[in-house]
C-alpha atoms as a PDB file:
ATOM      1  CA  MET A   1     -84.115  -5.904 -58.772  1.00  0.00           C
ATOM      2  CA  SER A   2     -87.415  -6.873 -60.418  1.00  0.00           C
ATOM      3  CA  ILE A   3     -88.649 -10.441 -60.106  1.00  0.00           C
ATOM      4  CA  PHE A   4     -88.423 -10.776 -63.898  1.00  0.00           C
ATOM      5  CA  LEU A   5     -84.686 -10.020 -63.883  1.00  0.00           C
ATOM      6  CA  ILE A   6     -84.145 -12.356 -60.940  1.00  0.00           C
ATOM      7  CA  PHE A   7     -85.714 -15.274 -62.806  1.00  0.00           C
ATOM      8  CA  ALA A   8     -83.936 -14.333 -66.034  1.00  0.00           C
ATOM      9  CA  PHE A   9     -80.563 -14.508 -64.274  1.00  0.00           C
ATOM     10  CA  LEU A  10     -81.492 -17.667 -62.355  1.00  0.00           C
ATOM     11  CA  PHE A  11     -82.610 -19.490 -65.491  1.00  0.00           C
ATOM     12  CA  PHE A  12     -79.402 -18.502 -67.272  1.00  0.00           C
ATOM     13  CA  ILE A  13     -77.143 -19.520 -64.393  1.00  0.00           C
ATOM     14  CA  GLY A  14     -79.031 -22.765 -63.714  1.00  0.00           C
ATOM     15  CA  SER A  15     -79.091 -23.809 -67.371  1.00  0.00           C
ATOM     16  CA  VAL A  16     -75.353 -23.271 -67.872  1.00  0.00           C
ATOM     17  CA  PHE A  17     -74.314 -24.725 -64.508  1.00  0.00           C
ATOM     18  CA  GLY A  18     -76.575 -27.751 -65.059  1.00  0.00           C
ATOM     19  CA  TRP A  19     -74.971 -28.372 -68.440  1.00  0.00           C
ATOM     20  CA  VAL A  20     -71.494 -28.326 -66.885  1.00  0.00           C
ATOM     21  CA  LEU A  21     -72.674 -30.656 -64.111  1.00  0.00           C
ATOM     22  CA  GLU A  22     -74.170 -33.137 -66.588  1.00  0.00           C
ATOM     23  CA  LEU A  23     -71.097 -32.903 -68.818  1.00  0.00           C
ATOM     24  CA  LEU A  24     -68.805 -33.904 -65.942  1.00  0.00           C
ATOM     25  CA  PHE A  25     -71.214 -36.570 -64.683  1.00  0.00           C
ATOM     26  CA  ARG A  26     -71.390 -38.266 -68.077  1.00  0.00           C
ATOM     27  CA  ARG A  27     -67.629 -37.987 -68.579  1.00  0.00           C
ATOM     28  CA  PHE A  28     -66.444 -39.352 -65.233  1.00  0.00           C
ATOM     29  CA  ILE A  29     -69.332 -41.124 -63.445  1.00  0.00           C
ATOM     30  CA  SER A  30     -72.141 -42.337 -65.730  1.00  0.00           C
ATOM     31  CA  LYS A  31     -72.184 -46.096 -66.303  1.00  0.00           C
ATOM     32  CA  ASN A  32     -73.685 -45.447 -69.747  1.00  0.00           C
ATOM     33  CA  ASN A  33     -70.374 -43.995 -70.935  1.00  0.00           C
ATOM     34  CA  PRO A  34     -67.773 -46.741 -70.287  1.00  0.00           C
ATOM     35  CA  GLU A  35     -65.452 -45.222 -72.920  1.00  0.00           C
ATOM     36  CA  ARG A  36     -65.325 -42.019 -70.808  1.00  0.00           C
ATOM     37  CA  LYS A  37     -65.860 -39.710 -73.754  1.00  0.00           C
ATOM     38  CA  TRP A  38     -67.041 -36.111 -73.662  1.00  0.00           C
ATOM     39  CA  ILE A  39     -70.773 -36.085 -74.436  1.00  0.00           C
ATOM     40  CA  ASN A  40     -72.897 -33.011 -75.067  1.00  0.00           C
ATOM     41  CA  PRO A  41     -75.855 -33.509 -72.682  1.00  0.00           C
ATOM     42  CA  GLY A  42     -79.448 -32.559 -73.402  1.00  0.00           C
ATOM     43  CA  PHE A  43     -81.330 -31.962 -76.625  1.00  0.00           C
ATOM     44  CA  CYS A  44     -80.177 -28.389 -77.272  1.00  0.00           C
ATOM     45  CA  VAL A  45     -77.090 -27.617 -79.347  1.00  0.00           C
ATOM     46  CA  GLY A  46     -75.547 -25.069 -76.998  1.00  0.00           C
ATOM     47  CA  PRO A  47     -74.065 -25.427 -73.483  1.00  0.00           C
ATOM     48  CA  TYR A  48     -77.237 -25.155 -71.424  1.00  0.00           C
ATOM     49  CA  LEU A  49     -79.984 -27.379 -70.030  1.00  0.00           C
ATOM     50  CA  PRO A  50     -83.395 -25.680 -69.616  1.00  0.00           C
ATOM     51  CA  LEU A  51     -84.448 -28.324 -67.065  1.00  0.00           C
ATOM     52  CA  TYR A  52     -81.828 -27.087 -64.615  1.00  0.00           C
ATOM     53  CA  GLY A  53     -82.638 -23.442 -65.316  1.00  0.00           C
ATOM     54  CA  THR A  54     -86.300 -24.067 -64.555  1.00  0.00           C
ATOM     55  CA  GLY A  55     -85.333 -26.072 -61.496  1.00  0.00           C
ATOM     56  CA  LEU A  56     -83.160 -23.292 -60.075  1.00  0.00           C
ATOM     57  CA  CYS A  57     -86.042 -20.835 -60.405  1.00  0.00           C
ATOM     58  CA  PHE A  58     -88.264 -23.190 -58.410  1.00  0.00           C
ATOM     59  CA  LEU A  59     -85.557 -23.769 -55.790  1.00  0.00           C
ATOM     60  CA  TYR A  60     -85.344 -20.004 -55.311  1.00  0.00           C
ATOM     61  CA  LEU A  61     -89.115 -19.767 -54.868  1.00  0.00           C
ATOM     62  CA  ILE A  62     -89.242 -22.659 -52.399  1.00  0.00           C
ATOM     63  CA  ALA A  63     -86.293 -21.377 -50.351  1.00  0.00           C
ATOM     64  CA  SER A  64     -87.974 -17.967 -50.210  1.00  0.00           C
ATOM     65  CA  LEU A  65     -90.949 -19.600 -48.449  1.00  0.00           C
ATOM     66  CA  ARG A  66     -88.778 -20.579 -45.461  1.00  0.00           C
ATOM     67  CA  LYS A  67     -90.131 -17.700 -43.356  1.00  0.00           C
ATOM     68  CA  PHE A  68     -93.692 -19.001 -43.764  1.00  0.00           C
ATOM     69  CA  ILE A  69     -92.890 -22.506 -42.468  1.00  0.00           C
ATOM     70  CA  ASP A  70     -93.202 -22.954 -38.720  1.00  0.00           C
ATOM     71  CA  LEU A  71     -93.457 -26.518 -37.404  1.00  0.00           C
ATOM     72  CA  GLY A  72     -92.088 -25.647 -33.984  1.00  0.00           C
ATOM     73  CA  SER A  73     -88.585 -26.843 -34.802  1.00  0.00           C
ATOM     74  CA  GLU A  74     -86.016 -25.237 -37.082  1.00  0.00           C
ATOM     75  CA  LEU A  75     -84.669 -28.659 -38.062  1.00  0.00           C
ATOM     76  CA  ALA A  76     -88.168 -29.870 -39.001  1.00  0.00           C
ATOM     77  CA  ASP A  77     -88.748 -26.687 -40.998  1.00  0.00           C
ATOM     78  CA  ILE A  78     -85.543 -27.192 -42.978  1.00  0.00           C
ATOM     79  CA  ILE A  79     -86.221 -30.916 -43.558  1.00  0.00           C
ATOM     80  CA  VAL A  80     -89.684 -30.134 -44.950  1.00  0.00           C
ATOM     81  CA  LEU A  81     -88.189 -27.414 -47.130  1.00  0.00           C
ATOM     82  CA  LEU A  82     -85.503 -29.707 -48.546  1.00  0.00           C
ATOM     83  CA  LEU A  83     -87.973 -32.544 -49.129  1.00  0.00           C
ATOM     84  CA  THR A  84     -90.196 -30.084 -50.988  1.00  0.00           C
ATOM     85  CA  MET A  85     -87.212 -29.142 -53.166  1.00  0.00           C
ATOM     86  CA  ALA A  86     -86.434 -32.780 -53.995  1.00  0.00           C
ATOM     87  CA  VAL A  87     -90.072 -33.582 -54.790  1.00  0.00           C
ATOM     88  CA  THR A  88     -90.470 -30.444 -56.912  1.00  0.00           C
ATOM     89  CA  MET A  89     -87.345 -31.175 -58.944  1.00  0.00           C
ATOM     90  CA  THR A  90     -88.505 -34.763 -59.450  1.00  0.00           C
ATOM     91  CA  ILE A  91     -91.902 -33.529 -60.669  1.00  0.00           C
ATOM     92  CA  ILE A  92     -90.219 -31.096 -63.094  1.00  0.00           C
ATOM     93  CA  GLU A  93     -88.034 -33.933 -64.397  1.00  0.00           C
ATOM     94  CA  TYR A  94     -91.077 -36.208 -64.763  1.00  0.00           C
ATOM     95  CA  ILE A  95     -93.123 -33.616 -66.656  1.00  0.00           C
ATOM     96  CA  ALA A  96     -90.241 -32.837 -69.027  1.00  0.00           C
ATOM     97  CA  GLY A  97     -89.558 -36.532 -69.641  1.00  0.00           C
ATOM     98  CA  LEU A  98     -93.244 -37.322 -70.108  1.00  0.00           C
ATOM     99  CA  ILE A  99     -93.746 -34.528 -72.650  1.00  0.00           C
ATOM    100  CA  SER A 100     -90.759 -35.772 -74.629  1.00  0.00           C
ATOM    101  CA  LEU A 101     -91.790 -39.427 -74.411  1.00  0.00           C
ATOM    102  CA  LYS A 102     -95.537 -39.126 -75.016  1.00  0.00           C
ATOM    103  CA  GLY A 103     -95.515 -36.030 -77.191  1.00  0.00           C
ATOM    104  CA  PHE A 104     -92.524 -36.796 -79.424  1.00  0.00           C
ATOM    105  CA  HIS A 105     -91.816 -40.503 -78.789  1.00  0.00           C
ATOM    106  CA  VAL A 106     -88.269 -39.557 -77.817  1.00  0.00           C
ATOM    107  CA  ARG A 107     -86.677 -40.692 -74.565  1.00  0.00           C
ATOM    108  CA  LEU A 108     -84.167 -37.997 -73.619  1.00  0.00           C
ATOM    109  CA  TRP A 109     -82.857 -40.039 -70.676  1.00  0.00           C
ATOM    110  CA  ASP A 110     -83.527 -43.572 -69.504  1.00  0.00           C
ATOM    111  CA  TYR A 111     -83.702 -44.794 -65.902  1.00  0.00           C
ATOM    112  CA  SER A 112     -85.270 -48.127 -66.863  1.00  0.00           C
ATOM    113  CA  ASP A 113     -82.390 -50.038 -65.250  1.00  0.00           C
ATOM    114  CA  GLU A 114     -82.653 -48.124 -61.991  1.00  0.00           C
ATOM    115  CA  TRP A 115     -84.529 -49.507 -58.973  1.00  0.00           C
ATOM    116  CA  GLY A 116     -87.994 -48.092 -58.363  1.00  0.00           C
ATOM    117  CA  ASN A 117     -88.142 -46.161 -61.620  1.00  0.00           C
ATOM    118  CA  ILE A 118     -91.422 -44.865 -63.026  1.00  0.00           C
ATOM    119  CA  GLN A 119     -91.633 -45.235 -66.816  1.00  0.00           C
ATOM    120  CA  GLY A 120     -87.855 -44.910 -66.917  1.00  0.00           C
ATOM    121  CA  ILE A 121     -88.294 -41.143 -66.380  1.00  0.00           C
ATOM    122  CA  ILE A 122     -87.729 -40.747 -62.644  1.00  0.00           C
ATOM    123  CA  CYS A 123     -86.307 -42.971 -59.915  1.00  0.00           C
ATOM    124  CA  PRO A 124     -85.408 -42.758 -56.208  1.00  0.00           C
ATOM    125  CA  LYS A 125     -81.665 -42.599 -56.910  1.00  0.00           C
ATOM    126  CA  PHE A 126     -81.892 -39.408 -58.941  1.00  0.00           C
ATOM    127  CA  SER A 127     -84.563 -37.938 -56.661  1.00  0.00           C
ATOM    128  CA  LEU A 128     -81.959 -38.303 -53.894  1.00  0.00           C
ATOM    129  CA  ILE A 129     -79.443 -36.500 -56.101  1.00  0.00           C
ATOM    130  CA  TRP A 130     -81.968 -33.698 -56.606  1.00  0.00           C
ATOM    131  CA  GLY A 131     -82.283 -33.552 -52.820  1.00  0.00           C
ATOM    132  CA  VAL A 132     -78.507 -33.236 -52.415  1.00  0.00           C
ATOM    133  CA  LEU A 133     -78.451 -30.442 -54.979  1.00  0.00           C
ATOM    134  CA  GLY A 134     -81.285 -28.771 -53.071  1.00  0.00           C
ATOM    135  CA  VAL A 135     -79.238 -28.921 -49.855  1.00  0.00           C
ATOM    136  CA  ALA A 136     -76.211 -27.446 -51.659  1.00  0.00           C
ATOM    137  CA  TYR A 137     -78.354 -24.652 -53.073  1.00  0.00           C
ATOM    138  CA  TYR A 138     -80.022 -23.810 -49.762  1.00  0.00           C
ATOM    139  CA  LEU A 139     -76.796 -23.790 -47.750  1.00  0.00           C
ATOM    140  CA  LEU A 140     -74.294 -22.376 -50.223  1.00  0.00           C
ATOM    141  CA  VAL A 141     -76.173 -20.364 -52.839  1.00  0.00           C
ATOM    142  CA  HIS A 142     -79.455 -18.986 -51.541  1.00  0.00           C
ATOM    143  CA  PRO A 143     -78.027 -16.946 -48.617  1.00  0.00           C
ATOM    144  CA  ASN A 144     -75.892 -14.960 -51.067  1.00  0.00           C
ATOM    145  CA  ILE A 145     -78.031 -15.026 -54.171  1.00  0.00           C
ATOM    146  CA  LEU A 146     -79.615 -11.564 -53.958  1.00  0.00           C
ATOM    147  CA  ASP A 147     -76.229  -9.888 -53.462  1.00  0.00           C
ATOM    148  CA  ALA A 148     -74.839 -11.837 -56.401  1.00  0.00           C
ATOM    149  CA  LEU A 149     -77.817 -10.945 -58.593  1.00  0.00           C
ATOM    150  CA  ASP A 150     -77.526  -7.265 -57.662  1.00  0.00           C
ATOM    151  CA  TRP A 151     -73.867  -7.326 -58.682  1.00  0.00           C
ATOM    152  CA  LEU A 152     -74.705  -9.026 -61.974  1.00  0.00           C
ATOM    153  CA  SER A 153     -77.470  -6.521 -62.730  1.00  0.00           C
ATOM    154  CA  GLU A 154     -75.054  -3.627 -62.236  1.00  0.00           C
ATOM    155  CA  ASN A 155     -72.437  -5.225 -64.479  1.00  0.00           C
ATOM    156  CA  LEU A 156     -73.531  -4.057 -67.927  1.00  0.00           C
ATOM    157  CA  ALA A 157     -71.113  -6.349 -69.747  1.00  0.00           C
ATOM    158  CA  PHE A 158     -72.581  -9.402 -68.038  1.00  0.00           C
ATOM    159  CA  SER A 159     -76.136  -8.191 -68.599  1.00  0.00           C
ATOM    160  CA  PHE A 160     -75.343  -7.857 -72.302  1.00  0.00           C
ATOM    161  CA  PHE A 161     -73.964 -11.401 -72.258  1.00  0.00           C
ATOM    162  CA  VAL A 162     -77.161 -12.699 -70.635  1.00  0.00           C
ATOM    163  CA  GLY A 163     -79.188 -10.919 -73.332  1.00  0.00           C
ATOM    164  CA  MET A 164     -77.096 -12.640 -75.996  1.00  0.00           C
ATOM    165  CA  PHE A 165     -77.705 -15.950 -74.219  1.00  0.00           C
ATOM    166  CA  TYR A 166     -81.472 -15.607 -74.531  1.00  0.00           C
ATOM    167  CA  GLY A 167     -81.220 -14.643 -78.192  1.00  0.00           C
ATOM    168  CA  VAL A 168     -79.068 -17.682 -78.981  1.00  0.00           C
ATOM    169  CA  PHE A 169     -81.147 -19.900 -76.700  1.00  0.00           C
ATOM    170  CA  ILE A 170     -84.430 -19.089 -78.470  1.00  0.00           C
ATOM    171  CA  ILE A 171     -82.913 -19.831 -81.883  1.00  0.00           C
ATOM    172  CA  ASP A 172     -81.392 -23.041 -80.522  1.00  0.00           C
ATOM    173  CA  LEU A 173     -84.701 -24.079 -78.955  1.00  0.00           C
ATOM    174  CA  VAL A 174     -86.536 -23.671 -82.252  1.00  0.00           C
ATOM    175  CA  TYR A 175     -83.841 -25.616 -84.124  1.00  0.00           C
ATOM    176  CA  SER A 176     -83.638 -28.410 -81.533  1.00  0.00           C
ATOM    177  CA  THR A 177     -87.426 -28.728 -81.332  1.00  0.00           C
ATOM    178  CA  SER A 178     -87.546 -29.144 -85.116  1.00  0.00           C
ATOM    179  CA  LEU A 179     -85.024 -31.993 -84.789  1.00  0.00           C
ATOM    180  CA  ILE A 180     -87.148 -33.650 -82.108  1.00  0.00           C
ATOM    181  CA  ALA A 181     -90.208 -33.282 -84.364  1.00  0.00           C
ATOM    182  CA  LYS A 182     -88.238 -34.970 -87.152  1.00  0.00           C
ATOM    183  CA  LEU A 183     -87.359 -37.818 -84.815  1.00  0.00           C
ATOM    184  CA  LYS A 184     -91.045 -38.162 -83.947  1.00  0.00           C
ATOM    185  CA  LYS A 185     -91.866 -38.744 -87.601  1.00  0.00           C
ATOM    186  CA  LEU A 186     -89.163 -41.408 -87.770  1.00  0.00           C
ATOM    187  CA  SER A 187     -90.364 -43.033 -84.552  1.00  0.00           C
ATOM    188  CA  ASP A 188     -93.899 -43.185 -85.972  1.00  0.00           C
ATOM    189  CA  GLU A 189     -92.598 -44.584 -89.253  1.00  0.00           C
ATOM    190  CA  TYR A 190     -90.559 -47.354 -87.617  1.00  0.00           C
ATOM    191  CA  ASN A 191     -92.844 -47.790 -84.595  1.00  0.00           C
ATOM    192  CA  VAL A 192     -90.041 -47.321 -82.083  1.00  0.00           C
ATOM    193  CA  VAL A 193     -89.299 -44.974 -79.215  1.00  0.00           C
ATOM    194  CA  VAL A 194     -86.084 -43.132 -80.043  1.00  0.00           C
ATOM    195  CA  ARG A 195     -83.573 -43.208 -77.210  1.00  0.00           C
ATOM    196  CA  TYR A 196     -81.797 -39.913 -77.677  1.00  0.00           C
ATOM    197  CA  GLU A 197     -78.542 -40.811 -75.951  1.00  0.00           C
ATOM    198  CA  GLU A 198     -78.317 -44.109 -77.821  1.00  0.00           C
ATOM    199  CA  LEU A 199     -78.899 -42.287 -81.099  1.00  0.00           C
ATOM    200  CA  LYS A 200     -76.096 -39.818 -80.340  1.00  0.00           C
ATOM    201  CA  ALA A 201     -73.775 -42.691 -79.423  1.00  0.00           C
ATOM    202  CA  ARG A 202     -74.541 -44.493 -82.695  1.00  0.00           C
ATOM    203  CA  ILE A 203     -73.843 -41.377 -84.745  1.00  0.00           C
ATOM    204  CA  ARG A 204     -70.595 -40.770 -82.902  1.00  0.00           C
ATOM    205  CA  ALA A 205     -69.480 -44.398 -83.354  1.00  0.00           C
ATOM    206  CA  SER A 206     -70.286 -44.191 -87.072  1.00  0.00           C
ATOM    207  CA  HIS A 207     -68.170 -41.042 -87.416  1.00  0.00           C
ATOM    208  CA  GLU A 208     -65.252 -42.590 -85.560  1.00  0.00           C
ATOM    209  CA  GLU A 209     -65.449 -45.776 -87.617  1.00  0.00           C
ATOM    210  CA  ARG A 210     -65.260 -43.787 -90.847  1.00  0.00           C
ATOM    211  CA  ARG A 211     -62.820 -41.281 -89.308  1.00  0.00           C
ATOM    212  CA  ALA A 212     -65.243 -38.536 -90.197  1.00  0.00           C
ATOM    213  CA  LYS A 213     -65.417 -35.243 -88.296  1.00  0.00           C
ATOM    214  CA  TYR A 214     -67.731 -35.395 -85.304  1.00  0.00           C
ATOM    215  CA  ARG A 215     -69.318 -32.172 -84.091  1.00  0.00           C
ATOM    216  CA  PHE A 216     -69.609 -32.077 -80.313  1.00  0.00           C
ATOM    217  CA  PHE A 217     -72.269 -29.344 -80.323  1.00  0.00           C
ATOM    218  CA  GLN A 218     -74.225 -30.955 -83.175  1.00  0.00           C
ATOM    219  CA  PRO A 219     -74.335 -34.616 -82.118  1.00  0.00           C
ATOM    220  CA  LEU A 220     -77.140 -35.497 -84.560  1.00  0.00           C
ATOM    221  CA  ARG A 221     -75.406 -34.052 -87.595  1.00  0.00           C
ATOM    222  CA  SER A 222     -74.284 -36.742 -90.007  1.00  0.00           C
ATOM    223  CA  ASP A 223     -73.762 -37.319 -93.699  1.00  0.00           C
ATOM    224  CA  ARG A 224     -76.032 -40.332 -93.315  1.00  0.00           C
ATOM    225  CA  ASN A 225     -79.787 -39.986 -93.023  1.00  0.00           C
ATOM    226  CA  LEU A 226     -81.155 -40.141 -89.477  1.00  0.00           C
ATOM    227  CA  SER A 227     -83.622 -42.779 -90.622  1.00  0.00           C
ATOM    228  CA  GLU A 228     -80.725 -45.212 -91.086  1.00  0.00           C
ATOM    229  CA  TYR A 229     -79.734 -44.860 -87.448  1.00  0.00           C
ATOM    230  CA  VAL A 230     -83.317 -45.184 -86.209  1.00  0.00           C
ATOM    231  CA  LYS A 231     -83.841 -48.261 -88.364  1.00  0.00           C
ATOM    232  CA  ALA A 232     -80.624 -49.806 -87.022  1.00  0.00           C
ATOM    233  CA  MET A 233     -81.703 -48.940 -83.494  1.00  0.00           C
ATOM    234  CA  LYS A 234     -84.995 -50.782 -83.974  1.00  0.00           C
ATOM    235  CA  ALA A 235     -83.266 -53.808 -85.511  1.00  0.00           C
ATOM    236  CA  SER A 236     -80.816 -53.971 -82.616  1.00  0.00           C
ATOM    237  CA  ARG A 237     -83.626 -53.760 -80.091  1.00  0.00           C
ATOM    238  CA  GLU A 238     -85.616 -56.513 -81.799  1.00  0.00           C
ATOM    239  CA  GLU A 239     -82.510 -58.694 -81.905  1.00  0.00           C
ATOM    240  CA  ARG A 240     -82.023 -58.282 -78.159  1.00  0.00           C
ATOM    241  CA  LYS A 241     -85.674 -59.179 -77.573  1.00  0.00           C
ATOM    242  CA  GLU A 242     -85.336 -62.361 -79.619  1.00  0.00           C
ATOM    243  CA  LYS A 243     -82.213 -63.370 -77.718  1.00  0.00           C
ATOM    244  CA  PHE A 244     -84.011 -62.746 -74.432  1.00  0.00           C
ATOM    245  CA  LYS A 245     -86.987 -64.854 -75.529  1.00  0.00           C
ATOM    246  CA  ALA A 246     -84.715 -67.670 -76.662  1.00  0.00           C
ATOM    247  CA  ARG A 247     -82.874 -67.622 -73.338  1.00  0.00           C
ATOM    248  CA  PHE A 248     -86.176 -67.618 -71.439  1.00  0.00           C
ATOM    249  CA  LYS A 249     -87.451 -70.649 -73.368  1.00  0.00           C
ATOM    250  CA  LYS A 250     -84.354 -72.601 -72.381  1.00  0.00           C
END
């Protein structure tokens, strides 16, 4: 199989699997979802997260370098390999978060409350999780990945499905990027960094309060203007700051 097809399949599988993983994490584990509701993760509309797809491609590349690592001990070789995976995934997460934060003034995720975080984008806790995922990939997935990819490439129905995925994904990416660009204009107008997950939660709460239909795959869709939510977000943040200052003065 050509390297292009390998990465095409890996990106598809990683993006979809990552979405499922994040969906379950937010539903059953995340402390930011005390109501335990189903939340569509990421900034795309569809069931995929490009960050995970990109990450899986890099994990495949790193694992493929195993034969070139020779530190005199197989255990040391594997430890270095797994550490490289964790660091690489953390770097990918940091770059993606930084582009969103600095380029669009939108914070797609927020680790500000986590110990040792850097700009609220990365933190040791989630770097450890990336490491665990790297171990799972290296032990459970990578040894069988070429056979699995060969089977997928010979299955025309699945190949057609993957082609459809990329067609839908490109359209979704353009649409979602336009939404992020719109949020950037609002963030510039109100001089506030838009916390994406908080914005989705506010829209969902507004729909539930008015018993309006909430669209799981279009979490930013509302009959109210997005500027109203961003304005309310800024007001809420300023109110919390004032309360904190008042408490500090006491």
